[in-house]
Structures are given as C-alpha cells and as structure tokens.
Amino acid sequence: MSIRQVTVLAMLAGAISGCATLNKDECLTADWETIGLEDGAQGFAAERIGDHRRACAKHGITPDLAAYEAGRARGLRSYCTPHNGYQRGRSGTTGLEGLCPADLAPAFLAAHASGRRVFQAAAEESRARAALEAAQDELARIEEAIEVQRSIIVSESSTPRQREDALEALEQLRQDRRFLIEDSLPALDAEALHQTEIYQRVLAAEPAPP
C-alpha cells in the first residue's frame, strides 16, 4: 500500500468517526466484542465507543462496554505491531501515543518514529523537486514570451511604440532567463539532488520492520 493510500484511509477513518457508525439493524444485532475487535484492529481510540453509543441511542440500544473493550483490546494487539507502526509513520500519521497496550507500545512507537523520519525525508525531497519543476516551467514560460516579443518587433503591422515596448519587455525577459539559467536552476537542481541523497540514506537506515 502506498503512502498516499494509507494517508487517505486514515483520513476516511477520521471522517467516519464523526458520522453514525452503525445503523438500526447493526445496533439491534450487534456483537459488541466483534465490533470492538474490528475497531481495535483499525487503530481506533477508546473514544470510538462513544460514536457507537450515540448511533445506537436513537434506536434504544446501549452498547455492551465490557464486551466491546475486550474485543478492542484483542484488536489492538494486531494493530500495534512494529510493521504497522512504521507504515503509519511513513504515511505521516500522528497522535498515536497512548493507543497501544503497555507491552506493545515501545516497539510500535519506535517503529513509528522510524517511519516518520522516512516520511519527513520524502516530503523534503518532494518539496525540492517541486521547486525545481516550477523554475523549469517558468523558464519555458519566459521562452514563449520572448518569442512573442520578437514577433512583435519584426511584424510589419507593429507601430514604433509597440516595437519600443517589445524591446523593453524582451530585455527584461532575457535578464529573467539569464538569472534562471545561471543562478536559480543550478541551485534548485543541486538542492533536489541533495534531498534525494538524504532520502535514500534515511530509507536505507530506517528499513521497514518484518
């Protein structure tokens, strides 16, 4: 699963928590231990039962808290693995402190921190690449604008004032192009390469747990 897919799933889980979690039939036939198991396996916090309580209160149903918590505790043990912690870190997920059982939390959070370092390095590389691409797009725009001004200068239908304005614009465009080619683009290209090297080093130093 890609970083983007994991992030989208986490966002959807947050959105769902603000809506009715169960319908009438689900409330009436609820196996609260199974519901807790599923919620725990998805990494929902203890407050998730409150969403179920509000959803079922409309139908006169009260959740079995003990059964739910027993199931959620079991589910969390499948969620709170080092591998999953690492993947959550790589997706940029935060706020997981206090979620896992005490015996699983240290390894889960350590792996999460490792994944976060990879996430942050990837984000810096993406930022540097985006800045380089923006400068390259700007250079292409300037080249097109230069051609427009040249066409005005050589056009027989252009007035002397139009040619004069075009010459001024052309000079400014050439200066902008020179600055991009000689200063901005080399610096941005070097930064993008540097961030890629950092990302590759971090990725190699912070491998996913088995």
N, C-alpha and C. Protein backbone atom coordinates (compact mmCIF):
# COMPACT_ATOMS: atom_id res chain seq x y z
N MET A 1 0.85 -1.20 0.00
CA MET A 1 0.00 0.00 0.00
C MET A 1 0.88 1.24 0.00
N SER A 2 0.57 2.23 -0.85
CA SER A 2 1.39 3.42 -0.95
C SER A 2 1.14 4.35 0.22
N ILE A 3 2.09 5.32 0.39
CA ILE A 3 1.92 6.33 1.45
C ILE A 3 0.63 7.10 1.25
N ARG A 4 0.34 7.46 0.00
CA ARG A 4 -0.89 8.21 -0.27
C ARG A 4 -2.13 7.39 0.11
N GLN A 5 -2.15 6.11 -0.21
CA GLN A 5 -3.31 5.27 0.10
C GLN A 5 -3.52 5.15 1.61
N VAL A 6 -2.40 4.98 2.34
CA VAL A 6 -2.52 4.87 3.80
C VAL A 6 -3.05 6.16 4.39
N THR A 7 -2.54 7.29 3.87
CA THR A 7 -3.00 8.59 4.37
C THR A 7 -4.47 8.79 4.12
N VAL A 8 -4.94 8.42 2.90
CA VAL A 8 -6.36 8.56 2.58
C VAL A 8 -7.22 7.70 3.49
N LEU A 9 -6.76 6.46 3.77
CA LEU A 9 -7.52 5.58 4.66
C LEU A 9 -7.61 6.17 6.06
N ALA A 10 -6.52 6.77 6.53
CA ALA A 10 -6.54 7.39 7.86
C ALA A 10 -7.51 8.56 7.89
N MET A 11 -7.53 9.35 6.82
CA MET A 11 -8.46 10.49 6.75
C MET A 11 -9.90 10.01 6.72
N LEU A 12 -10.15 8.94 5.97
CA LEU A 12 -11.51 8.41 5.91
C LEU A 12 -11.96 7.88 7.26
N ALA A 13 -11.04 7.25 7.99
CA ALA A 13 -11.38 6.74 9.31
C ALA A 13 -11.78 7.88 10.23
N GLY A 14 -11.05 9.00 10.12
CA GLY A 14 -11.39 10.16 10.95
C GLY A 14 -12.73 10.75 10.58
N ALA A 15 -13.01 10.76 9.25
CA ALA A 15 -14.29 11.31 8.81
C ALA A 15 -15.45 10.44 9.26
N ILE A 16 -15.24 9.11 9.18
CA ILE A 16 -16.30 8.19 9.57
C ILE A 16 -16.65 8.34 11.04
N SER A 17 -15.62 8.64 11.87
CA SER A 17 -15.86 8.72 13.31
C SER A 17 -16.82 9.84 13.66
N GLY A 18 -16.97 10.83 12.78
CA GLY A 18 -17.89 11.92 13.05
C GLY A 18 -19.30 11.63 12.57
N CYS A 19 -19.54 10.50 11.94
CA CYS A 19 -20.85 10.14 11.41
C CYS A 19 -21.44 8.98 12.22
N ALA A 20 -22.68 8.62 11.88
CA ALA A 20 -23.30 7.46 12.53
C ALA A 20 -22.52 6.22 12.14
N THR A 21 -22.00 5.51 13.13
CA THR A 21 -21.14 4.36 12.85
C THR A 21 -21.93 3.09 12.58
N LEU A 22 -23.15 2.98 13.12
CA LEU A 22 -23.96 1.78 12.97
C LEU A 22 -25.39 2.18 12.64
N ASN A 23 -26.05 1.37 11.79
CA ASN A 23 -27.47 1.64 11.52
C ASN A 23 -28.34 0.85 12.49
N LYS A 24 -29.64 0.94 12.32
CA LYS A 24 -30.56 0.32 13.27
C LYS A 24 -30.37 -1.19 13.34
N ASP A 25 -30.32 -1.84 12.19
CA ASP A 25 -30.17 -3.30 12.18
C ASP A 25 -28.86 -3.72 12.84
N GLU A 26 -27.80 -2.96 12.57
CA GLU A 26 -26.50 -3.29 13.16
C GLU A 26 -26.52 -3.12 14.67
N CYS A 27 -27.21 -2.09 15.14
CA CYS A 27 -27.34 -1.89 16.58
C CYS A 27 -28.13 -3.03 17.23
N LEU A 28 -29.21 -3.44 16.57
CA LEU A 28 -30.08 -4.47 17.14
C LEU A 28 -29.40 -5.84 17.19
N THR A 29 -28.53 -6.10 16.24
CA THR A 29 -27.89 -7.43 16.15
C THR A 29 -26.41 -7.38 16.52
N ALA A 30 -25.98 -6.29 17.15
CA ALA A 30 -24.55 -6.06 17.37
C ALA A 30 -23.90 -7.14 18.23
N ASP A 31 -22.77 -7.61 17.77
CA ASP A 31 -21.87 -8.43 18.57
C ASP A 31 -20.76 -7.48 19.02
N TRP A 32 -20.89 -6.95 20.23
CA TRP A 32 -20.03 -5.85 20.65
C TRP A 32 -18.58 -6.26 20.78
N GLU A 33 -18.33 -7.50 21.07
CA GLU A 33 -16.93 -7.93 21.13
C GLU A 33 -16.30 -7.93 19.73
N THR A 34 -17.07 -8.36 18.74
CA THR A 34 -16.57 -8.34 17.37
C THR A 34 -16.37 -6.92 16.86
N ILE A 35 -17.31 -6.05 17.21
CA ILE A 35 -17.17 -4.64 16.81
C ILE A 35 -15.92 -4.04 17.45
N GLY A 36 -15.70 -4.35 18.72
CA GLY A 36 -14.50 -3.87 19.39
C GLY A 36 -13.24 -4.42 18.75
N LEU A 37 -13.29 -5.70 18.38
CA LEU A 37 -12.15 -6.33 17.72
C LEU A 37 -11.81 -5.62 16.41
N GLU A 38 -12.82 -5.32 15.62
CA GLU A 38 -12.61 -4.65 14.34
C GLU A 38 -12.09 -3.23 14.56
N ASP A 39 -12.64 -2.53 15.54
CA ASP A 39 -12.18 -1.16 15.82
C ASP A 39 -10.73 -1.16 16.29
N GLY A 40 -10.39 -2.10 17.15
CA GLY A 40 -9.02 -2.18 17.63
C GLY A 40 -8.05 -2.49 16.52
N ALA A 41 -8.44 -3.40 15.63
CA ALA A 41 -7.58 -3.78 14.51
C ALA A 41 -7.35 -2.63 13.54
N GLN A 42 -8.26 -1.64 13.57
CA GLN A 42 -8.10 -0.45 12.72
C GLN A 42 -7.44 0.70 13.46
N GLY A 43 -7.13 0.49 14.74
CA GLY A 43 -6.42 1.52 15.50
C GLY A 43 -7.30 2.63 16.02
N PHE A 44 -8.59 2.38 16.22
CA PHE A 44 -9.46 3.40 16.78
C PHE A 44 -9.18 3.57 18.27
N ALA A 45 -9.25 4.81 18.74
CA ALA A 45 -9.04 5.11 20.14
C ALA A 45 -10.25 4.66 20.96
N ALA A 46 -10.11 4.70 22.29
CA ALA A 46 -11.19 4.24 23.18
C ALA A 46 -12.46 5.05 22.98
N GLU A 47 -12.30 6.30 22.55
CA GLU A 47 -13.47 7.17 22.37
C GLU A 47 -14.40 6.68 21.26
N ARG A 48 -13.97 5.72 20.48
CA ARG A 48 -14.80 5.20 19.40
C ARG A 48 -16.12 4.64 19.91
N ILE A 49 -16.13 4.08 21.10
CA ILE A 49 -17.37 3.53 21.66
C ILE A 49 -18.41 4.61 21.83
N GLY A 50 -17.97 5.84 22.05
CA GLY A 50 -18.92 6.95 22.16
C GLY A 50 -19.68 7.19 20.87
N ASP A 51 -19.00 7.01 19.74
CA ASP A 51 -19.68 7.14 18.45
C ASP A 51 -20.73 6.05 18.28
N HIS A 52 -20.38 4.84 18.69
CA HIS A 52 -21.36 3.74 18.61
C HIS A 52 -22.53 3.98 19.55
N ARG A 53 -22.23 4.51 20.73
CA ARG A 53 -23.28 4.77 21.72
C ARG A 53 -24.29 5.79 21.17
N ARG A 54 -23.76 6.84 20.56
CA ARG A 54 -24.66 7.86 20.00
C ARG A 54 -25.47 7.31 18.84
N ALA A 55 -24.83 6.47 18.00
CA ALA A 55 -25.54 5.91 16.85
C ALA A 55 -26.68 5.00 17.29
N CYS A 56 -26.45 4.20 18.33
CA CYS A 56 -27.45 3.23 18.77
C CYS A 56 -28.47 3.81 19.75
N ALA A 57 -28.15 4.93 20.36
CA ALA A 57 -29.09 5.55 21.30
C ALA A 57 -30.40 5.94 20.60
N LYS A 58 -30.31 6.26 19.31
CA LYS A 58 -31.52 6.61 18.55
C LYS A 58 -32.49 5.44 18.47
N HIS A 59 -31.96 4.24 18.63
CA HIS A 59 -32.77 3.04 18.50
C HIS A 59 -32.97 2.34 19.84
N GLY A 60 -32.64 3.03 20.92
CA GLY A 60 -32.84 2.49 22.26
C GLY A 60 -31.89 1.37 22.64
N ILE A 61 -30.73 1.33 22.00
CA ILE A 61 -29.76 0.27 22.26
C ILE A 61 -28.54 0.85 22.96
N THR A 62 -28.09 0.17 24.01
CA THR A 62 -26.88 0.57 24.74
C THR A 62 -25.78 -0.45 24.48
N PRO A 63 -24.60 -0.01 24.05
CA PRO A 63 -23.51 -0.97 23.79
C PRO A 63 -23.09 -1.72 25.05
N ASP A 64 -22.61 -2.91 24.87
CA ASP A 64 -22.03 -3.71 25.95
C ASP A 64 -20.56 -3.29 26.06
N LEU A 65 -20.28 -2.37 26.99
CA LEU A 65 -18.96 -1.79 27.09
C LEU A 65 -17.89 -2.83 27.40
N ALA A 66 -18.18 -3.73 28.30
CA ALA A 66 -17.18 -4.74 28.68
C ALA A 66 -16.81 -5.62 27.49
N ALA A 67 -17.82 -6.06 26.74
CA ALA A 67 -17.54 -6.91 25.58
C ALA A 67 -16.78 -6.13 24.52
N TYR A 68 -17.19 -4.87 24.32
CA TYR A 68 -16.52 -4.03 23.32
C TYR A 68 -15.04 -3.86 23.68
N GLU A 69 -14.76 -3.50 24.92
CA GLU A 69 -13.38 -3.25 25.34
C GLU A 69 -12.54 -4.53 25.27
N ALA A 70 -13.15 -5.67 25.58
CA ALA A 70 -12.42 -6.93 25.47
C ALA A 70 -12.03 -7.19 24.01
N GLY A 71 -12.97 -6.95 23.11
CA GLY A 71 -12.68 -7.14 21.69
C GLY A 71 -11.66 -6.13 21.18
N ARG A 72 -11.82 -4.87 21.59
CA ARG A 72 -10.88 -3.84 21.12
C ARG A 72 -9.47 -4.13 21.61
N ALA A 73 -9.34 -4.60 22.85
CA ALA A 73 -8.01 -4.94 23.37
C ALA A 73 -7.35 -6.01 22.51
N ARG A 74 -8.12 -6.99 22.08
CA ARG A 74 -7.58 -8.03 21.21
C ARG A 74 -7.20 -7.46 19.85
N GLY A 75 -8.07 -6.60 19.33
CA GLY A 75 -7.81 -6.00 18.02
C GLY A 75 -6.57 -5.13 18.01
N LEU A 76 -6.35 -4.40 19.10
CA LEU A 76 -5.17 -3.53 19.17
C LEU A 76 -3.87 -4.33 19.11
N ARG A 77 -3.91 -5.55 19.56
CA ARG A 77 -2.69 -6.35 19.53
C ARG A 77 -2.28 -6.70 18.09
N SER A 78 -3.23 -6.73 17.19
CA SER A 78 -2.89 -6.94 15.79
C SER A 78 -2.53 -5.63 15.10
N TYR A 79 -3.02 -4.52 15.65
CA TYR A 79 -2.71 -3.20 15.09
C TYR A 79 -1.34 -2.71 15.54
N CYS A 80 -1.03 -2.93 16.81
CA CYS A 80 0.16 -2.32 17.43
C CYS A 80 1.43 -3.15 17.20
N THR A 81 1.71 -3.42 15.94
CA THR A 81 2.92 -4.15 15.59
C THR A 81 3.97 -3.16 15.09
N PRO A 82 5.25 -3.50 15.19
CA PRO A 82 6.28 -2.61 14.65
C PRO A 82 6.08 -2.31 13.16
N HIS A 83 5.70 -3.33 12.39
CA HIS A 83 5.49 -3.10 10.95
C HIS A 83 4.39 -2.07 10.71
N ASN A 84 3.30 -2.20 11.43
CA ASN A 84 2.20 -1.26 11.25
C ASN A 84 2.58 0.13 11.76
N GLY A 85 3.31 0.19 12.87
CA GLY A 85 3.77 1.48 13.37
C GLY A 85 4.63 2.19 12.36
N TYR A 86 5.52 1.45 11.72
CA TYR A 86 6.39 2.02 10.69
C TYR A 86 5.56 2.55 9.52
N GLN A 87 4.59 1.77 9.07
CA GLN A 87 3.76 2.20 7.94
C GLN A 87 2.94 3.44 8.29
N ARG A 88 2.45 3.51 9.54
CA ARG A 88 1.70 4.70 9.95
C ARG A 88 2.63 5.91 10.00
N GLY A 89 3.86 5.70 10.42
CA GLY A 89 4.83 6.79 10.42
C GLY A 89 5.14 7.26 9.01
N ARG A 90 5.32 6.34 8.09
CA ARG A 90 5.61 6.70 6.70
C ARG A 90 4.45 7.40 6.03
N SER A 91 3.24 7.16 6.52
CA SER A 91 2.07 7.84 5.95
C SER A 91 1.88 9.23 6.54
N GLY A 92 2.65 9.56 7.58
CA GLY A 92 2.52 10.87 8.21
C GLY A 92 1.53 10.90 9.35
N THR A 93 0.98 9.75 9.73
CA THR A 93 0.00 9.70 10.82
C THR A 93 0.66 10.07 12.14
N THR A 94 -0.03 10.90 12.92
CA THR A 94 0.48 11.30 14.24
C THR A 94 -0.60 11.03 15.29
N GLY A 95 -0.29 11.35 16.55
CA GLY A 95 -1.26 11.23 17.63
C GLY A 95 -1.55 9.81 18.05
N LEU A 96 -0.58 8.92 17.95
CA LEU A 96 -0.79 7.52 18.30
C LEU A 96 -0.29 7.17 19.71
N GLU A 97 0.26 8.16 20.41
CA GLU A 97 0.72 7.91 21.77
C GLU A 97 -0.46 7.53 22.67
N GLY A 98 -0.25 6.55 23.51
CA GLY A 98 -1.29 6.13 24.44
C GLY A 98 -2.32 5.19 23.85
N LEU A 99 -2.16 4.83 22.58
CA LEU A 99 -3.13 3.95 21.93
C LEU A 99 -2.88 2.48 22.24
N CYS A 100 -1.62 2.07 22.21
CA CYS A 100 -1.28 0.64 22.28
C CYS A 100 -1.10 0.16 23.71
N PRO A 101 -1.29 -1.14 23.94
CA PRO A 101 -1.03 -1.73 25.25
C PRO A 101 0.42 -1.48 25.67
N ALA A 102 0.64 -1.42 26.98
CA ALA A 102 1.95 -1.07 27.50
C ALA A 102 3.07 -1.97 27.00
N ASP A 103 2.79 -3.26 26.83
CA ASP A 103 3.85 -4.17 26.40
C ASP A 103 4.18 -4.05 24.92
N LEU A 104 3.27 -3.45 24.13
CA LEU A 104 3.49 -3.31 22.69
C LEU A 104 3.89 -1.88 22.30
N ALA A 105 3.57 -0.93 23.15
CA ALA A 105 3.75 0.49 22.80
C ALA A 105 5.19 0.85 22.46
N PRO A 106 6.20 0.45 23.25
CA PRO A 106 7.57 0.90 22.93
C PRO A 106 8.03 0.52 21.53
N ALA A 107 7.84 -0.74 21.14
CA ALA A 107 8.28 -1.17 19.81
C ALA A 107 7.44 -0.51 18.72
N PHE A 108 6.15 -0.37 18.96
CA PHE A 108 5.27 0.27 17.98
C PHE A 108 5.68 1.73 17.76
N LEU A 109 5.90 2.47 18.85
CA LEU A 109 6.23 3.89 18.73
C LEU A 109 7.63 4.10 18.18
N ALA A 110 8.55 3.21 18.51
CA ALA A 110 9.90 3.32 17.94
C ALA A 110 9.86 3.13 16.43
N ALA A 111 9.09 2.13 15.99
CA ALA A 111 8.96 1.90 14.55
C ALA A 111 8.22 3.06 13.88
N HIS A 112 7.23 3.61 14.58
CA HIS A 112 6.50 4.77 14.05
C HIS A 112 7.44 5.95 13.86
N ALA A 113 8.32 6.21 14.83
CA ALA A 113 9.28 7.30 14.72
C ALA A 113 10.22 7.08 13.55
N SER A 114 10.61 5.82 13.34
CA SER A 114 11.46 5.49 12.21
C SER A 114 10.75 5.79 10.89
N GLY A 115 9.51 5.37 10.79
CA GLY A 115 8.72 5.65 9.59
C GLY A 115 8.51 7.13 9.37
N ARG A 116 8.35 7.89 10.46
CA ARG A 116 8.18 9.34 10.35
C ARG A 116 9.43 10.00 9.78
N ARG A 117 10.59 9.49 10.15
CA ARG A 117 11.81 10.07 9.60
C ARG A 117 11.89 9.87 8.09
N VAL A 118 11.45 8.70 7.63
CA VAL A 118 11.41 8.46 6.19
C VAL A 118 10.38 9.38 5.55
N PHE A 119 9.21 9.53 6.18
CA PHE A 119 8.16 10.41 5.66
C PHE A 119 8.66 11.84 5.52
N GLN A 120 9.35 12.34 6.53
CA GLN A 120 9.84 13.71 6.50
C GLN A 120 10.91 13.90 5.44
N ALA A 121 11.79 12.90 5.28
CA ALA A 121 12.82 13.00 4.25
C ALA A 121 12.18 12.99 2.86
N ALA A 122 11.16 12.15 2.68
CA ALA A 122 10.45 12.09 1.40
C ALA A 122 9.74 13.41 1.11
N ALA A 123 9.18 14.02 2.15
CA ALA A 123 8.49 15.30 1.98
C ALA A 123 9.47 16.39 1.55
N GLU A 124 10.67 16.40 2.13
CA GLU A 124 11.67 17.39 1.76
C GLU A 124 12.13 17.17 0.32
N GLU A 125 12.29 15.92 -0.07
CA GLU A 125 12.67 15.65 -1.46
C GLU A 125 11.58 16.13 -2.41
N SER A 126 10.33 15.85 -2.07
CA SER A 126 9.21 16.26 -2.91
C SER A 126 9.15 17.78 -3.02
N ARG A 127 9.38 18.47 -1.89
CA ARG A 127 9.38 19.94 -1.91
C ARG A 127 10.47 20.47 -2.84
N ALA A 128 11.68 19.91 -2.75
CA ALA A 128 12.79 20.35 -3.58
C ALA A 128 12.51 20.07 -5.06
N ARG A 129 11.95 18.90 -5.36
CA ARG A 129 11.63 18.56 -6.74
C ARG A 129 10.56 19.49 -7.30
N ALA A 130 9.58 19.82 -6.48
CA ALA A 130 8.50 20.71 -6.93
C ALA A 130 9.05 22.10 -7.24
N ALA A 131 9.98 22.60 -6.40
CA ALA A 131 10.58 23.91 -6.63
C ALA A 131 11.37 23.92 -7.94
N LEU A 132 12.10 22.83 -8.20
CA LEU A 132 12.87 22.73 -9.45
C LEU A 132 11.93 22.71 -10.66
N GLU A 133 10.86 21.93 -10.57
CA GLU A 133 9.92 21.85 -11.69
C GLU A 133 9.23 23.19 -11.93
N ALA A 134 8.94 23.92 -10.85
CA ALA A 134 8.31 25.24 -11.00
C ALA A 134 9.25 26.20 -11.74
N ALA A 135 10.53 26.15 -11.42
CA ALA A 135 11.50 27.00 -12.09
C ALA A 135 11.64 26.61 -13.56
N GLN A 136 11.61 25.31 -13.84
CA GLN A 136 11.69 24.86 -15.23
C GLN A 136 10.46 25.30 -16.02
N ASP A 137 9.30 25.26 -15.38
CA ASP A 137 8.08 25.74 -16.03
C ASP A 137 8.16 27.24 -16.29
N GLU A 138 8.74 27.97 -15.34
CA GLU A 138 8.89 29.41 -15.51
C GLU A 138 9.83 29.73 -16.66
N LEU A 139 10.90 28.95 -16.80
CA LEU A 139 11.81 29.15 -17.92
C LEU A 139 11.10 28.92 -19.25
N ALA A 140 10.27 27.88 -19.31
CA ALA A 140 9.52 27.61 -20.54
C ALA A 140 8.56 28.75 -20.85
N ARG A 141 7.94 29.31 -19.80
CA ARG A 141 7.03 30.45 -20.00
C ARG A 141 7.79 31.66 -20.54
N ILE A 142 8.98 31.89 -20.01
CA ILE A 142 9.79 33.03 -20.45
C ILE A 142 10.21 32.85 -21.91
N GLU A 143 10.59 31.64 -22.27
CA GLU A 143 10.98 31.37 -23.67
C GLU A 143 9.82 31.67 -24.61
N GLU A 144 8.61 31.29 -24.22
CA GLU A 144 7.44 31.58 -25.06
C GLU A 144 7.20 33.08 -25.14
N ALA A 145 7.35 33.77 -24.02
CA ALA A 145 7.14 35.22 -24.01
C ALA A 145 8.18 35.93 -24.86
N ILE A 146 9.40 35.43 -24.86
CA ILE A 146 10.46 36.02 -25.70
C ILE A 146 10.08 35.92 -27.17
N GLU A 147 9.56 34.77 -27.57
CA GLU A 147 9.16 34.60 -28.96
C GLU A 147 8.03 35.55 -29.33
N VAL A 148 7.11 35.78 -28.39
CA VAL A 148 6.00 36.72 -28.64
C VAL A 148 6.55 38.12 -28.88
N GLN A 149 7.47 38.55 -28.04
CA GLN A 149 8.02 39.90 -28.18
C GLN A 149 8.84 40.03 -29.46
N ARG A 150 9.56 38.98 -29.83
CA ARG A 150 10.32 39.01 -31.08
C ARG A 150 9.39 39.14 -32.29
N SER A 151 8.25 38.45 -32.22
CA SER A 151 7.31 38.51 -33.34
C SER A 151 6.72 39.92 -33.48
N ILE A 152 6.53 40.58 -32.34
CA ILE A 152 6.03 41.96 -32.38
C ILE A 152 7.06 42.88 -33.02
N ILE A 153 8.32 42.68 -32.67
CA ILE A 153 9.39 43.55 -33.17
C ILE A 153 9.54 43.44 -34.69
N VAL A 154 9.42 42.22 -35.22
CA VAL A 154 9.64 42.02 -36.67
C VAL A 154 8.37 42.18 -37.49
N SER A 155 7.23 42.28 -36.83
CA SER A 155 5.97 42.38 -37.57
C SER A 155 5.85 43.72 -38.28
N GLU A 156 5.43 43.67 -39.53
CA GLU A 156 5.25 44.90 -40.30
C GLU A 156 4.07 45.70 -39.78
N SER A 157 3.13 45.06 -39.10
CA SER A 157 1.95 45.77 -38.60
C SER A 157 2.19 46.45 -37.26
N SER A 158 3.33 46.21 -36.65
CA SER A 158 3.60 46.82 -35.34
C SER A 158 3.95 48.29 -35.51
N THR A 159 3.49 49.11 -34.58
CA THR A 159 3.81 50.53 -34.58
C THR A 159 5.17 50.74 -33.92
N PRO A 160 5.77 51.89 -34.13
CA PRO A 160 7.05 52.17 -33.46
C PRO A 160 6.96 52.04 -31.93
N ARG A 161 5.85 52.50 -31.36
CA ARG A 161 5.69 52.39 -29.91
C ARG A 161 5.59 50.94 -29.47
N GLN A 162 4.90 50.12 -30.24
CA GLN A 162 4.79 48.70 -29.91
C GLN A 162 6.15 48.01 -29.98
N ARG A 163 6.94 48.37 -30.99
CA ARG A 163 8.28 47.79 -31.09
C ARG A 163 9.15 48.24 -29.92
N GLU A 164 9.01 49.49 -29.53
CA GLU A 164 9.80 50.00 -28.41
C GLU A 164 9.44 49.27 -27.12
N ASP A 165 8.13 49.12 -26.89
CA ASP A 165 7.69 48.39 -25.69
C ASP A 165 8.15 46.94 -25.74
N ALA A 166 8.09 46.34 -26.93
CA ALA A 166 8.51 44.94 -27.07
C ALA A 166 10.00 44.79 -26.80
N LEU A 167 10.80 45.75 -27.23
CA LEU A 167 12.24 45.70 -26.98
C LEU A 167 12.55 45.77 -25.49
N GLU A 168 11.81 46.65 -24.78
CA GLU A 168 11.99 46.74 -23.33
C GLU A 168 11.59 45.44 -22.64
N ALA A 169 10.45 44.89 -23.06
CA ALA A 169 9.99 43.64 -22.47
C ALA A 169 10.96 42.51 -22.77
N LEU A 170 11.49 42.52 -23.98
CA LEU A 170 12.43 41.47 -24.39
C LEU A 170 13.70 41.52 -23.54
N GLU A 171 14.19 42.71 -23.28
CA GLU A 171 15.38 42.84 -22.45
C GLU A 171 15.15 42.30 -21.04
N GLN A 172 13.99 42.63 -20.47
CA GLN A 172 13.67 42.14 -19.13
C GLN A 172 13.53 40.62 -19.12
N LEU A 173 12.90 40.09 -20.14
CA LEU A 173 12.73 38.64 -20.23
C LEU A 173 14.09 37.93 -20.36
N ARG A 174 14.98 38.53 -21.12
CA ARG A 174 16.32 37.94 -21.25
C ARG A 174 17.07 37.95 -19.93
N GLN A 175 16.91 39.02 -19.17
CA GLN A 175 17.53 39.08 -17.85
C GLN A 175 16.96 38.00 -16.92
N ASP A 176 15.64 37.86 -16.98
CA ASP A 176 15.00 36.84 -16.15
C ASP A 176 15.47 35.44 -16.55
N ARG A 177 15.59 35.23 -17.85
CA ARG A 177 16.05 33.92 -18.33
C ARG A 177 17.49 33.66 -17.89
N ARG A 178 18.32 34.67 -17.99
CA ARG A 178 19.72 34.51 -17.60
C ARG A 178 19.83 34.18 -16.11
N PHE A 179 19.03 34.86 -15.29
CA PHE A 179 19.05 34.59 -13.85
C PHE A 179 18.63 33.16 -13.55
N LEU A 180 17.58 32.70 -14.24
CA LEU A 180 17.12 31.33 -14.02
C LEU A 180 18.18 30.31 -14.44
N ILE A 181 18.75 30.52 -15.61
CA ILE A 181 19.70 29.54 -16.14
C ILE A 181 21.01 29.53 -15.36
N GLU A 182 21.48 30.71 -14.96
CA GLU A 182 22.80 30.80 -14.33
C GLU A 182 22.76 30.66 -12.81
N ASP A 183 21.63 31.01 -12.19
CA ASP A 183 21.57 31.01 -10.72
C ASP A 183 20.52 30.05 -10.16
N SER A 184 19.26 30.33 -10.46
CA SER A 184 18.17 29.59 -9.81
C SER A 184 18.18 28.10 -10.14
N LEU A 185 18.20 27.77 -11.42
CA LEU A 185 18.10 26.37 -11.81
C LEU A 185 19.27 25.52 -11.30
N PRO A 186 20.51 25.97 -11.40
CA PRO A 186 21.60 25.16 -10.84
C PRO A 186 21.46 24.94 -9.34
N ALA A 187 21.05 26.00 -8.62
CA ALA A 187 20.89 25.87 -7.16
C ALA A 187 19.75 24.93 -6.82
N LEU A 188 18.64 25.04 -7.52
CA LEU A 188 17.49 24.18 -7.26
C LEU A 188 17.77 22.73 -7.64
N ASP A 189 18.50 22.54 -8.73
CA ASP A 189 18.86 21.19 -9.15
C ASP A 189 19.78 20.54 -8.12
N ALA A 190 20.74 21.31 -7.62
CA ALA A 190 21.65 20.79 -6.60
C ALA A 190 20.90 20.44 -5.32
N GLU A 191 19.94 21.28 -4.94
CA GLU A 191 19.15 21.03 -3.74
C GLU A 191 18.29 19.78 -3.90
N ALA A 192 17.70 19.61 -5.08
CA ALA A 192 16.88 18.42 -5.33
C ALA A 192 17.74 17.16 -5.25
N LEU A 193 18.92 17.19 -5.83
CA LEU A 193 19.82 16.04 -5.75
C LEU A 193 20.24 15.76 -4.31
N HIS A 194 20.50 16.83 -3.58
CA HIS A 194 20.90 16.69 -2.17
C HIS A 194 19.79 16.04 -1.36
N GLN A 195 18.56 16.49 -1.56
CA GLN A 195 17.43 15.94 -0.81
C GLN A 195 17.16 14.49 -1.21
N THR A 196 17.39 14.16 -2.47
CA THR A 196 17.24 12.77 -2.90
C THR A 196 18.27 11.89 -2.21
N GLU A 197 19.49 12.37 -2.12
CA GLU A 197 20.54 11.61 -1.43
C GLU A 197 20.20 11.41 0.04
N ILE A 198 19.69 12.46 0.68
CA ILE A 198 19.29 12.34 2.09
C ILE A 198 18.17 11.31 2.23
N TYR A 199 17.18 11.40 1.36
CA TYR A 199 16.06 10.46 1.42
C TYR A 199 16.54 9.02 1.26
N GLN A 200 17.43 8.80 0.31
CA GLN A 200 17.93 7.44 0.08
C GLN A 200 18.71 6.94 1.29
N ARG A 201 19.49 7.82 1.93
CA ARG A 201 20.25 7.42 3.12
C ARG A 201 19.30 7.09 4.27
N VAL A 202 18.29 7.93 4.48
CA VAL A 202 17.33 7.68 5.55
C VAL A 202 16.56 6.40 5.29
N LEU A 203 16.16 6.19 4.05
CA LEU A 203 15.41 4.99 3.68
C LEU A 203 16.23 3.74 3.95
N ALA A 204 17.53 3.81 3.66
CA ALA A 204 18.41 2.66 3.89
C ALA A 204 18.65 2.43 5.38
N ALA A 205 18.68 3.54 6.13
CA ALA A 205 18.95 3.44 7.58
C ALA A 205 17.70 3.09 8.37
N GLU A 206 16.53 3.31 7.80
CA GLU A 206 15.26 3.09 8.51
C GLU A 206 14.38 2.11 7.73
N PRO A 207 14.83 0.86 7.59
CA PRO A 207 14.03 -0.12 6.83
C PRO A 207 12.76 -0.51 7.58
N ALA A 208 11.80 -0.97 6.84
CA ALA A 208 10.54 -1.43 7.45
C ALA A 208 10.79 -2.69 8.28
N PRO A 209 10.22 -2.76 9.47
CA PRO A 209 10.34 -3.99 10.28
C PRO A 209 9.63 -5.14 9.57
N PRO A 210 10.05 -6.37 9.84
CA PRO A 210 9.39 -7.53 9.22
C PRO A 210 7.97 -7.69 9.73
